[in-house]
Amino acid sequence: MRIVAGKHRSRVLKTLKGNDTRPTSDKVKEAVFSRIGPYFETGIILDLFSGSGNIALEALSRGFEKAIMVDKYDKAISIIKTNVAMLKEEEKCEIWPFDYKKALSMCQQKKLKFDLIYLDPPYQFELTNELVAKIGEYDLLKDNGVIISESLNKETIKVYKPYFIDKQVSYGTTKVTYIRKD
């Protein structure tokens, strides 16, 4: 897995071995950032279920100013720290070793708002609807921000006002959903 574009272009990232995580493919990552690129020259990203830090580090490479990377697994946190250090992005990163519920609650307590929230939960749990509801309840997305969720094609995504599904795209068994505020 590598950084696709920006100042860290072509840098290879470390990933977890085994089937505990499922890194976002370069093809999906390139498509996602091509779609949102015109809207963000800078910003703050929340990368939930960060795994290797792949998505947040891609965002930083493309000009985002800050990233919060969340994963509850110790091995994932270790890989994220390794990748952040390798790219010398420690100043721009916060790495939170928590589950998503605690992380979202902390974001609310700190009154944080994000330009981009990337959700890549384990597919088998179908958490997208719950996550988007909590993000809305805690008001974590900036007005012009976007939530991007990776899920199985078969997962039904439902959002409620003020959110709407802007677009859904399938890549094999993966569905990428772009969610915005009205």
C-alpha atoms as a PDB file:
ATOM      1  CA  MET A   1       0.000   0.000   0.000  1.00  0.00           C
ATOM      2  CA  ARG A   2       1.308   3.428  -0.904  1.00  0.00           C
ATOM      3  CA  ILE A   3       0.527   7.128  -0.789  1.00  0.00           C
ATOM      4  CA  VAL A   4      -1.067   7.931  -4.145  1.00  0.00           C
ATOM      5  CA  ALA A   5      -0.492  11.696  -4.484  1.00  0.00           C
ATOM      6  CA  GLY A   6       0.879  14.814  -2.839  1.00  0.00           C
ATOM      7  CA  LYS A   7       4.118  15.478  -1.014  1.00  0.00           C
ATOM      8  CA  HIS A   8       4.501  11.827   0.093  1.00  0.00           C
ATOM      9  CA  ARG A   9       3.546  10.370  -3.302  1.00  0.00           C
ATOM     10  CA  SER A  10       4.709   6.774  -3.879  1.00  0.00           C
ATOM     11  CA  ARG A  11       5.862   6.270  -0.284  1.00  0.00           C
ATOM     12  CA  VAL A  12       5.048   2.720   0.787  1.00  0.00           C
ATOM     13  CA  LEU A  13       3.184   2.311   4.075  1.00  0.00           C
ATOM     14  CA  LYS A  14       3.424  -0.574   6.502  1.00  0.00           C
ATOM     15  CA  THR A  15       0.267  -2.628   7.006  1.00  0.00           C
ATOM     16  CA  LEU A  16      -0.901  -5.200   9.485  1.00  0.00           C
ATOM     17  CA  LYS A  17      -0.338  -8.789   8.504  1.00  0.00           C
ATOM     18  CA  GLY A  18      -3.279 -11.170   8.557  1.00  0.00           C
ATOM     19  CA  ASN A  19      -7.001 -10.630   8.178  1.00  0.00           C
ATOM     20  CA  ASP A  20      -7.633  -8.387  11.199  1.00  0.00           C
ATOM     21  CA  THR A  21      -7.770  -5.270   9.023  1.00  0.00           C
ATOM     22  CA  ARG A  22      -8.722  -4.577   5.421  1.00  0.00           C
ATOM     23  CA  PRO A  23      -6.732  -1.640   4.039  1.00  0.00           C
ATOM     24  CA  THR A  24      -8.468   0.617   1.542  1.00  0.00           C
ATOM     25  CA  SER A  25      -7.127  -0.260  -1.900  1.00  0.00           C
ATOM     26  CA  ASP A  26      -5.140   2.283  -3.911  1.00  0.00           C
ATOM     27  CA  LYS A  27      -7.911   2.208  -6.549  1.00  0.00           C
ATOM     28  CA  VAL A  28     -10.629   3.154  -4.039  1.00  0.00           C
ATOM     29  CA  LYS A  29      -8.394   5.709  -2.322  1.00  0.00           C
ATOM     30  CA  GLU A  30      -7.537   7.407  -5.622  1.00  0.00           C
ATOM     31  CA  ALA A  31     -11.214   7.528  -6.621  1.00  0.00           C
ATOM     32  CA  VAL A  32     -12.248   8.982  -3.246  1.00  0.00           C
ATOM     33  CA  PHE A  33      -9.612  11.717  -3.247  1.00  0.00           C
ATOM     34  CA  SER A  34     -10.217  12.539  -6.912  1.00  0.00           C
ATOM     35  CA  ARG A  35     -13.882  13.107  -6.085  1.00  0.00           C
ATOM     36  CA  ILE A  36     -13.338  15.274  -3.001  1.00  0.00           C
ATOM     37  CA  GLY A  37     -10.057  16.913  -4.066  1.00  0.00           C
ATOM     38  CA  PRO A  38     -11.607  19.996  -5.684  1.00  0.00           C
ATOM     39  CA  TYR A  39     -13.418  20.814  -2.417  1.00  0.00           C
ATOM     40  CA  PHE A  40     -10.496  20.546   0.008  1.00  0.00           C
ATOM     41  CA  GLU A  41      -7.126  22.229  -0.297  1.00  0.00           C
ATOM     42  CA  THR A  42      -6.718  21.900   3.441  1.00  0.00           C
ATOM     43  CA  GLY A  43      -8.748  20.653   6.366  1.00  0.00           C
ATOM     44  CA  ILE A  44      -9.033  18.359   9.346  1.00  0.00           C
ATOM     45  CA  ILE A  45      -9.751  14.640   8.991  1.00  0.00           C
ATOM     46  CA  LEU A  46     -11.130  12.138  11.480  1.00  0.00           C
ATOM     47  CA  ASP A  47     -10.139   8.637  10.364  1.00  0.00           C
ATOM     48  CA  LEU A  48     -12.185   6.104  12.346  1.00  0.00           C
ATOM     49  CA  PHE A  49     -11.037   2.471  12.221  1.00  0.00           C
ATOM     50  CA  SER A  50      -7.764   3.822  10.878  1.00  0.00           C
ATOM     51  CA  GLY A  51      -5.910   0.495  10.575  1.00  0.00           C
ATOM     52  CA  SER A  52      -2.567   1.625   9.142  1.00  0.00           C
ATOM     53  CA  GLY A  53      -3.370   5.343   8.942  1.00  0.00           C
ATOM     54  CA  ASN A  54      -3.556   5.008   5.154  1.00  0.00           C
ATOM     55  CA  ILE A  55      -6.481   7.405   4.552  1.00  0.00           C
ATOM     56  CA  ALA A  56      -5.426  10.095   7.032  1.00  0.00           C
ATOM     57  CA  LEU A  57      -1.849  10.043   5.749  1.00  0.00           C
ATOM     58  CA  GLU A  58      -3.101  10.364   2.166  1.00  0.00           C
ATOM     59  CA  ALA A  59      -5.124  13.414   3.272  1.00  0.00           C
ATOM     60  CA  LEU A  60      -2.058  14.962   4.943  1.00  0.00           C
ATOM     61  CA  SER A  61       0.028  14.268   1.850  1.00  0.00           C
ATOM     62  CA  ARG A  62      -2.563  16.183  -0.195  1.00  0.00           C
ATOM     63  CA  GLY A  63      -2.556  19.237   2.076  1.00  0.00           C
ATOM     64  CA  PHE A  64      -4.812  18.566   5.062  1.00  0.00           C
ATOM     65  CA  GLU A  65      -3.457  20.309   8.140  1.00  0.00           C
ATOM     66  CA  LYS A  66      -4.451  17.843  10.868  1.00  0.00           C
ATOM     67  CA  ALA A  67      -5.486  14.216  11.301  1.00  0.00           C
ATOM     68  CA  ILE A  68      -7.007  12.299  14.170  1.00  0.00           C
ATOM     69  CA  MET A  69      -6.552   8.561  13.653  1.00  0.00           C
ATOM     70  CA  VAL A  70      -8.595   6.174  15.769  1.00  0.00           C
ATOM     71  CA  ASP A  71      -8.218   2.430  16.220  1.00  0.00           C
ATOM     72  CA  LYS A  72      -8.761   0.259  19.262  1.00  0.00           C
ATOM     73  CA  TYR A  73      -6.266  -2.455  18.313  1.00  0.00           C
ATOM     74  CA  ASP A  74      -2.757  -2.179  19.765  1.00  0.00           C
ATOM     75  CA  LYS A  75      -1.128  -3.642  16.653  1.00  0.00           C
ATOM     76  CA  ALA A  76      -2.910  -1.097  14.450  1.00  0.00           C
ATOM     77  CA  ILE A  77      -1.830   1.766  16.725  1.00  0.00           C
ATOM     78  CA  SER A  78       1.773   0.556  16.486  1.00  0.00           C
ATOM     79  CA  ILE A  79       1.618   0.474  12.656  1.00  0.00           C
ATOM     80  CA  ILE A  80      -0.009   3.935  12.554  1.00  0.00           C
ATOM     81  CA  LYS A  81       2.771   5.347  14.753  1.00  0.00           C
ATOM     82  CA  THR A  82       5.410   3.744  12.511  1.00  0.00           C
ATOM     83  CA  ASN A  83       3.848   5.195   9.347  1.00  0.00           C
ATOM     84  CA  VAL A  84       3.401   8.657  10.869  1.00  0.00           C
ATOM     85  CA  ALA A  85       7.043   8.693  12.019  1.00  0.00           C
ATOM     86  CA  MET A  86       8.295   7.427   8.646  1.00  0.00           C
ATOM     87  CA  LEU A  87       6.544  10.361   6.918  1.00  0.00           C
ATOM     88  CA  LYS A  88       7.604  12.795   9.682  1.00  0.00           C
ATOM     89  CA  GLU A  89       4.006  13.916  10.252  1.00  0.00           C
ATOM     90  CA  GLU A  90       3.947  13.702  14.063  1.00  0.00           C
ATOM     91  CA  GLU A  91       3.160  17.428  14.420  1.00  0.00           C
ATOM     92  CA  LYS A  92      -0.069  17.066  12.428  1.00  0.00           C
ATOM     93  CA  CYS A  93      -1.327  13.786  13.892  1.00  0.00           C
ATOM     94  CA  GLU A  94      -3.180  12.650  16.951  1.00  0.00           C
ATOM     95  CA  ILE A  95      -3.391   8.888  17.390  1.00  0.00           C
ATOM     96  CA  TRP A  96      -6.196   7.708  19.654  1.00  0.00           C
ATOM     97  CA  PRO A  97      -6.122   4.095  20.908  1.00  0.00           C
ATOM     98  CA  PHE A  98      -9.864   3.914  21.583  1.00  0.00           C
ATOM     99  CA  ASP A  99     -12.999   2.356  20.225  1.00  0.00           C
ATOM    100  CA  TYR A 100     -15.230   4.501  18.041  1.00  0.00           C
ATOM    101  CA  LYS A 101     -17.777   5.253  20.790  1.00  0.00           C
ATOM    102  CA  LYS A 102     -15.165   6.739  23.114  1.00  0.00           C
ATOM    103  CA  ALA A 103     -13.498   8.593  20.224  1.00  0.00           C
ATOM    104  CA  LEU A 104     -16.748  10.200  19.041  1.00  0.00           C
ATOM    105  CA  SER A 105     -17.614  11.163  22.619  1.00  0.00           C
ATOM    106  CA  MET A 106     -14.174  12.765  23.050  1.00  0.00           C
ATOM    107  CA  CYS A 107     -14.644  14.713  19.818  1.00  0.00           C
ATOM    108  CA  GLN A 108     -17.934  16.043  21.176  1.00  0.00           C
ATOM    109  CA  GLN A 109     -16.403  16.953  24.549  1.00  0.00           C
ATOM    110  CA  LYS A 110     -13.565  18.811  22.812  1.00  0.00           C
ATOM    111  CA  LYS A 111     -16.073  20.501  20.459  1.00  0.00           C
ATOM    112  CA  LEU A 112     -14.148  19.292  17.415  1.00  0.00           C
ATOM    113  CA  LYS A 113     -15.516  19.656  13.886  1.00  0.00           C
ATOM    114  CA  PHE A 114     -14.119  17.984  10.812  1.00  0.00           C
ATOM    115  CA  ASP A 115     -13.925  18.685   7.102  1.00  0.00           C
ATOM    116  CA  LEU A 116     -13.654  14.974   6.346  1.00  0.00           C
ATOM    117  CA  ILE A 117     -14.763  12.010   8.433  1.00  0.00           C
ATOM    118  CA  TYR A 118     -13.704   8.668   7.000  1.00  0.00           C
ATOM    119  CA  LEU A 119     -15.501   5.564   8.231  1.00  0.00           C
ATOM    120  CA  ASP A 120     -14.083   2.139   7.450  1.00  0.00           C
ATOM    121  CA  PRO A 121     -15.536  -0.155  10.125  1.00  0.00           C
ATOM    122  CA  PRO A 122     -15.325  -3.947   9.969  1.00  0.00           C
ATOM    123  CA  TYR A 123     -17.855  -4.805   7.270  1.00  0.00           C
ATOM    124  CA  GLN A 124     -19.538  -7.604   9.219  1.00  0.00           C
ATOM    125  CA  PHE A 125     -20.885  -5.203  11.865  1.00  0.00           C
ATOM    126  CA  GLU A 126     -22.698  -2.826   9.473  1.00  0.00           C
ATOM    127  CA  LEU A 127     -21.992   0.223  11.650  1.00  0.00           C
ATOM    128  CA  THR A 128     -22.385   3.028   9.103  1.00  0.00           C
ATOM    129  CA  ASN A 129     -25.906   4.078  10.107  1.00  0.00           C
ATOM    130  CA  GLU A 130     -25.023   4.120  13.805  1.00  0.00           C
ATOM    131  CA  LEU A 131     -21.842   6.097  13.133  1.00  0.00           C
ATOM    132  CA  VAL A 132     -23.541   8.724  10.963  1.00  0.00           C
ATOM    133  CA  ALA A 133     -26.293   9.124  13.582  1.00  0.00           C
ATOM    134  CA  LYS A 134     -23.708   9.738  16.341  1.00  0.00           C
ATOM    135  CA  ILE A 135     -21.736  12.150  14.152  1.00  0.00           C
ATOM    136  CA  GLY A 136     -24.969  14.078  13.605  1.00  0.00           C
ATOM    137  CA  GLU A 137     -26.006  13.963  17.257  1.00  0.00           C
ATOM    138  CA  TYR A 138     -22.580  15.272  18.306  1.00  0.00           C
ATOM    139  CA  ASP A 139     -22.452  17.815  15.424  1.00  0.00           C
ATOM    140  CA  LEU A 140     -18.930  16.811  14.371  1.00  0.00           C
ATOM    141  CA  LEU A 141     -19.075  17.662  10.655  1.00  0.00           C
ATOM    142  CA  LYS A 142     -18.386  21.172   9.390  1.00  0.00           C
ATOM    143  CA  ASP A 143     -21.089  22.656   7.162  1.00  0.00           C
ATOM    144  CA  ASN A 144     -19.193  21.992   3.927  1.00  0.00           C
ATOM    145  CA  GLY A 145     -17.690  18.745   5.174  1.00  0.00           C
ATOM    146  CA  VAL A 146     -18.180  15.208   3.943  1.00  0.00           C
ATOM    147  CA  ILE A 147     -18.507  11.809   5.580  1.00  0.00           C
ATOM    148  CA  ILE A 148     -17.155   8.964   3.479  1.00  0.00           C
ATOM    149  CA  SER A 149     -18.051   5.430   4.429  1.00  0.00           C
ATOM    150  CA  GLU A 150     -16.744   2.127   3.141  1.00  0.00           C
ATOM    151  CA  SER A 151     -19.121  -0.806   3.534  1.00  0.00           C
ATOM    152  CA  LEU A 152     -20.266  -3.980   1.855  1.00  0.00           C
ATOM    153  CA  ASN A 153     -22.412  -3.422  -1.216  1.00  0.00           C
ATOM    154  CA  LYS A 154     -25.322  -5.149   0.503  1.00  0.00           C
ATOM    155  CA  GLU A 155     -25.363  -2.793   3.525  1.00  0.00           C
ATOM    156  CA  THR A 156     -28.293  -0.379   3.347  1.00  0.00           C
ATOM    157  CA  ILE A 157     -27.209   3.125   4.284  1.00  0.00           C
ATOM    158  CA  LYS A 158     -29.880   5.422   5.735  1.00  0.00           C
ATOM    159  CA  VAL A 159     -29.235   8.993   6.751  1.00  0.00           C
ATOM    160  CA  TYR A 160     -31.515  11.599   8.269  1.00  0.00           C
ATOM    161  CA  LYS A 161     -31.674  15.368   8.005  1.00  0.00           C
ATOM    162  CA  PRO A 162     -29.575  17.421   7.884  1.00  0.00           C
ATOM    163  CA  TYR A 163     -27.548  14.725   6.068  1.00  0.00           C
ATOM    164  CA  PHE A 164     -28.084  13.312   2.602  1.00  0.00           C
ATOM    165  CA  ILE A 165     -26.363  10.710   0.453  1.00  0.00           C
ATOM    166  CA  ASP A 166     -24.542  12.631  -2.253  1.00  0.00           C
ATOM    167  CA  LYS A 167     -23.272   9.591  -4.137  1.00  0.00           C
ATOM    168  CA  GLN A 168     -22.634   5.855  -3.827  1.00  0.00           C
ATOM    169  CA  VAL A 169     -20.074   3.987  -5.916  1.00  0.00           C
ATOM    170  CA  SER A 170     -19.313   0.259  -5.966  1.00  0.00           C
ATOM    171  CA  TYR A 171     -15.851  -1.240  -6.339  1.00  0.00           C
ATOM    172  CA  GLY A 172     -16.287  -5.019  -6.397  1.00  0.00           C
ATOM    173  CA  THR A 173     -17.850  -5.968  -3.046  1.00  0.00           C
ATOM    174  CA  THR A 174     -17.077  -2.547  -1.524  1.00  0.00           C
ATOM    175  CA  LYS A 175     -19.500   0.376  -1.563  1.00  0.00           C
ATOM    176  CA  VAL A 176     -18.248   3.914  -0.950  1.00  0.00           C
ATOM    177  CA  THR A 177     -20.923   6.346   0.243  1.00  0.00           C
ATOM    178  CA  TYR A 178     -20.470  10.135   0.249  1.00  0.00           C
ATOM    179  CA  ILE A 179     -22.653  11.850   2.855  1.00  0.00           C
ATOM    180  CA  ARG A 180     -23.070  15.613   3.148  1.00  0.00           C
ATOM    181  CA  LYS A 181     -25.092  18.149   5.121  1.00  0.00           C
ATOM    182  CA  ASP A 182     -28.046  19.999   3.569  1.00  0.00           C
END
